[in-house]
Each structure stands twice: as structure tokens, then as C-alpha cells.
Amino acid sequence: MTKSTIWLSYDLGVRGDYEGIYSWLDAHDAKECGDSVAVLTYEHMGSVVDQLKGELKAAFMIDKRTRIYVIYREEATNKNKGAFIFGGRRAAPWTGYSTVGAGTADDEVA
């Protein structure tokens, strides 16, 4: 068995099985890291992502709105990695707020 520190970010939607994921997180002594983010030590054999996905799928109800992102250190390369194990990326709520690249000065024509 290998132990890895992992961070989970979860968005289960309005009707998601929060009781189920909270029970799983509590059983793994997870620590709260802000809204819908937890850190824990996870014991696994083989791929942390594959084992975690299977374990979470068995632990609580996953539906089409479930989004769970895991951040972990890949053992082979010793680099931090992140992956959606359920769901995928959406448009960020901050999209369009930046003024970078929005030219505000007029160019003079000679």
C-alpha cells in the first residue's frame, strides 16, 4: 500500500449526495480546506486516480452533475498532477472580468 496526500474539490449540485461524500471524507480523516475542498492521506495500490474513482463511485451517488477534481503527486515523476475523476471543466465565473488587453488609449494617425 502506498500513502499519498490528495486534495479533493467537489461540486455535487443542489441535489447531490453530500451526506454520502461527507461520510466518506470523515472516514478518511479529511481536513476542510475551504468551500468544497478537502485534504487527506489516501492509501492505495496502483493508480491513485483509478482506485479513488472506484472507491468514491461505490461510496455515494454519482450523477451527471457531480464534479470531483483530485490533486496529487504522481509517484513516477514526483510532479503535482490534477484530474477530474467525475465531470469536467466549466466556464469560470470570473471570465470577462479582466481589463488586460482591452486597449483604452487611442492611437494617433499621422
C-alpha atoms as a PDB file:
ATOM      1  CA  MET A   1       0.000   0.000   0.000  1.00  0.00           C
ATOM      2  CA  THR A   2       1.150   3.482  -0.864  1.00  0.00           C
ATOM      3  CA  LYS A   3       0.093   6.596   1.043  1.00  0.00           C
ATOM      4  CA  SER A   4      -0.491   9.822  -0.880  1.00  0.00           C
ATOM      5  CA  THR A   5      -1.644  13.234   0.216  1.00  0.00           C
ATOM      6  CA  ILE A   6      -4.524  14.278  -2.018  1.00  0.00           C
ATOM      7  CA  TRP A   7      -6.794  17.301  -2.278  1.00  0.00           C
ATOM      8  CA  LEU A   8     -10.394  16.844  -3.421  1.00  0.00           C
ATOM      9  CA  SER A   9     -12.562  19.596  -4.811  1.00  0.00           C
ATOM     10  CA  TYR A  10     -16.190  18.556  -5.102  1.00  0.00           C
ATOM     11  CA  ASP A  11     -19.350  20.051  -6.593  1.00  0.00           C
ATOM     12  CA  LEU A  12     -22.326  17.724  -6.323  1.00  0.00           C
ATOM     13  CA  GLY A  13     -25.017  20.150  -7.451  1.00  0.00           C
ATOM     14  CA  VAL A  14     -28.070  21.212  -5.472  1.00  0.00           C
ATOM     15  CA  ARG A  15     -29.472  17.698  -5.018  1.00  0.00           C
ATOM     16  CA  GLY A  16     -26.129  15.904  -4.637  1.00  0.00           C
ATOM     17  CA  ASP A  17     -25.365  13.189  -2.098  1.00  0.00           C
ATOM     18  CA  TYR A  18     -23.493  15.441   0.339  1.00  0.00           C
ATOM     19  CA  GLU A  19     -24.228  13.112   3.256  1.00  0.00           C
ATOM     20  CA  GLY A  20     -22.509  10.308   1.342  1.00  0.00           C
ATOM     21  CA  ILE A  21     -19.366  12.264   0.471  1.00  0.00           C
ATOM     22  CA  TYR A  22     -19.193  13.768   3.971  1.00  0.00           C
ATOM     23  CA  SER A  23     -19.348  10.261   5.436  1.00  0.00           C
ATOM     24  CA  TRP A  24     -16.526   9.131   3.114  1.00  0.00           C
ATOM     25  CA  LEU A  25     -14.405  12.187   3.936  1.00  0.00           C
ATOM     26  CA  ASP A  26     -14.965  11.712   7.681  1.00  0.00           C
ATOM     27  CA  ALA A  27     -13.996   8.028   7.455  1.00  0.00           C
ATOM     28  CA  HIS A  28     -10.705   9.123   5.805  1.00  0.00           C
ATOM     29  CA  ASP A  29      -9.986  11.830   8.441  1.00  0.00           C
ATOM     30  CA  ALA A  30     -10.098  14.541   5.773  1.00  0.00           C
ATOM     31  CA  LYS A  31      -9.406  18.148   6.740  1.00  0.00           C
ATOM     32  CA  GLU A  32     -11.538  21.018   5.464  1.00  0.00           C
ATOM     33  CA  CYS A  33      -9.715  23.466   3.163  1.00  0.00           C
ATOM     34  CA  GLY A  34     -12.462  25.948   2.236  1.00  0.00           C
ATOM     35  CA  ASP A  35     -15.764  25.587   0.423  1.00  0.00           C
ATOM     36  CA  SER A  36     -15.992  22.070  -1.026  1.00  0.00           C
ATOM     37  CA  VAL A  37     -12.260  21.332  -0.747  1.00  0.00           C
ATOM     38  CA  ALA A  38     -10.641  18.707   1.487  1.00  0.00           C
ATOM     39  CA  VAL A  39      -7.170  17.259   2.040  1.00  0.00           C
ATOM     40  CA  LEU A  40      -6.458  13.737   3.239  1.00  0.00           C
ATOM     41  CA  THR A  41      -3.934  10.931   3.271  1.00  0.00           C
ATOM     42  CA  TYR A  42      -5.133   8.231   0.893  1.00  0.00           C
ATOM     43  CA  GLU A  43      -3.860   4.649   0.896  1.00  0.00           C
ATOM     44  CA  HIS A  44      -3.894   2.944  -2.488  1.00  0.00           C
ATOM     45  CA  MET A  45      -2.343   0.253  -4.636  1.00  0.00           C
ATOM     46  CA  GLY A  46      -1.531   1.238  -8.214  1.00  0.00           C
ATOM     47  CA  SER A  47      -3.063   4.363  -9.708  1.00  0.00           C
ATOM     48  CA  VAL A  48      -4.374   6.788  -7.100  1.00  0.00           C
ATOM     49  CA  VAL A  49      -6.893   8.204  -9.602  1.00  0.00           C
ATOM     50  CA  ASP A  50      -8.288   4.824 -10.683  1.00  0.00           C
ATOM     51  CA  GLN A  51      -8.640   3.465  -7.152  1.00  0.00           C
ATOM     52  CA  LEU A  52     -10.113   6.715  -5.831  1.00  0.00           C
ATOM     53  CA  LYS A  53     -12.669   6.837  -8.649  1.00  0.00           C
ATOM     54  CA  GLY A  54     -13.818   3.289  -7.943  1.00  0.00           C
ATOM     55  CA  GLU A  55     -13.992   3.849  -4.203  1.00  0.00           C
ATOM     56  CA  LEU A  56     -15.967   7.086  -4.489  1.00  0.00           C
ATOM     57  CA  LYS A  57     -18.361   5.548  -7.021  1.00  0.00           C
ATOM     58  CA  ALA A  58     -19.160   2.795  -4.514  1.00  0.00           C
ATOM     59  CA  ALA A  59     -19.407   5.152  -1.520  1.00  0.00           C
ATOM     60  CA  PHE A  60     -22.124   7.564  -2.646  1.00  0.00           C
ATOM     61  CA  MET A  61     -24.422   8.519  -5.505  1.00  0.00           C
ATOM     62  CA  ILE A  62     -22.688   9.981  -8.545  1.00  0.00           C
ATOM     63  CA  ASP A  63     -24.898  11.652 -11.170  1.00  0.00           C
ATOM     64  CA  LYS A  64     -24.371  13.733 -14.309  1.00  0.00           C
ATOM     65  CA  ARG A  65     -23.946  16.932 -12.268  1.00  0.00           C
ATOM     66  CA  THR A  66     -21.236  15.511  -9.981  1.00  0.00           C
ATOM     67  CA  ARG A  67     -17.822  17.110 -10.425  1.00  0.00           C
ATOM     68  CA  ILE A  68     -14.853  15.896  -8.398  1.00  0.00           C
ATOM     69  CA  TYR A  69     -11.297  17.078  -9.056  1.00  0.00           C
ATOM     70  CA  VAL A  70      -8.281  15.485  -7.380  1.00  0.00           C
ATOM     71  CA  ILE A  71      -4.801  16.968  -6.958  1.00  0.00           C
ATOM     72  CA  TYR A  72      -1.999  14.529  -6.129  1.00  0.00           C
ATOM     73  CA  ARG A  73       1.726  13.974  -6.556  1.00  0.00           C
ATOM     74  CA  GLU A  74       2.486  11.475  -9.300  1.00  0.00           C
ATOM     75  CA  GLU A  75       4.849   8.891  -7.890  1.00  0.00           C
ATOM     76  CA  ALA A  76       6.729   8.144 -11.139  1.00  0.00           C
ATOM     77  CA  THR A  77       7.624  11.780 -11.929  1.00  0.00           C
ATOM     78  CA  ASN A  78       7.291  13.339  -8.452  1.00  0.00           C
ATOM     79  CA  LYS A  79       5.238  16.149 -10.060  1.00  0.00           C
ATOM     80  CA  ASN A  80       1.913  17.528  -8.909  1.00  0.00           C
ATOM     81  CA  LYS A  81      -0.989  16.476 -11.119  1.00  0.00           C
ATOM     82  CA  GLY A  82      -4.685  17.223 -11.211  1.00  0.00           C
ATOM     83  CA  ALA A  83      -7.586  15.469 -12.892  1.00  0.00           C
ATOM     84  CA  PHE A  84     -11.348  15.410 -12.957  1.00  0.00           C
ATOM     85  CA  ILE A  85     -12.404  11.965 -11.819  1.00  0.00           C
ATOM     86  CA  PHE A  86     -16.082  12.839 -12.347  1.00  0.00           C
ATOM     87  CA  GLY A  87     -17.448  15.622 -14.528  1.00  0.00           C
ATOM     88  CA  GLY A  88     -15.347  18.222 -16.278  1.00  0.00           C
ATOM     89  CA  ARG A  89     -14.348  21.844 -16.570  1.00  0.00           C
ATOM     90  CA  ARG A  90     -16.959  24.594 -16.976  1.00  0.00           C
ATOM     91  CA  ALA A  91     -16.677  28.233 -17.937  1.00  0.00           C
ATOM     92  CA  ALA A  92     -15.141  30.098 -14.997  1.00  0.00           C
ATOM     93  CA  PRO A  93     -17.403  32.595 -13.195  1.00  0.00           C
ATOM     94  CA  TRP A  94     -14.653  35.222 -13.495  1.00  0.00           C
ATOM     95  CA  THR A  95     -14.485  35.029 -17.300  1.00  0.00           C
ATOM     96  CA  GLY A  96     -14.792  38.523 -18.783  1.00  0.00           C
ATOM     97  CA  TYR A  97     -13.824  40.491 -15.660  1.00  0.00           C
ATOM     98  CA  SER A  98     -10.234  41.286 -16.681  1.00  0.00           C
ATOM     99  CA  THR A  99      -9.356  44.537 -18.407  1.00  0.00           C
ATOM    100  CA  VAL A 100      -5.967  43.203 -19.551  1.00  0.00           C
ATOM    101  CA  GLY A 101      -5.666  43.614 -23.289  1.00  0.00           C
ATOM    102  CA  ALA A 102      -8.676  45.909 -23.517  1.00  0.00           C
ATOM    103  CA  GLY A 103      -6.965  48.870 -25.193  1.00  0.00           C
ATOM    104  CA  THR A 104      -8.051  52.108 -23.565  1.00  0.00           C
ATOM    105  CA  ALA A 105      -5.757  54.569 -25.367  1.00  0.00           C
ATOM    106  CA  ASP A 106      -6.499  55.854 -28.859  1.00  0.00           C
ATOM    107  CA  ASP A 107      -3.705  55.641 -31.388  1.00  0.00           C
ATOM    108  CA  GLU A 108      -2.932  58.863 -33.271  1.00  0.00           C
ATOM    109  CA  VAL A 109      -2.675  58.621 -37.010  1.00  0.00           C
ATOM    110  CA  ALA A 110      -0.023  60.924 -38.512  1.00  0.00           C
END
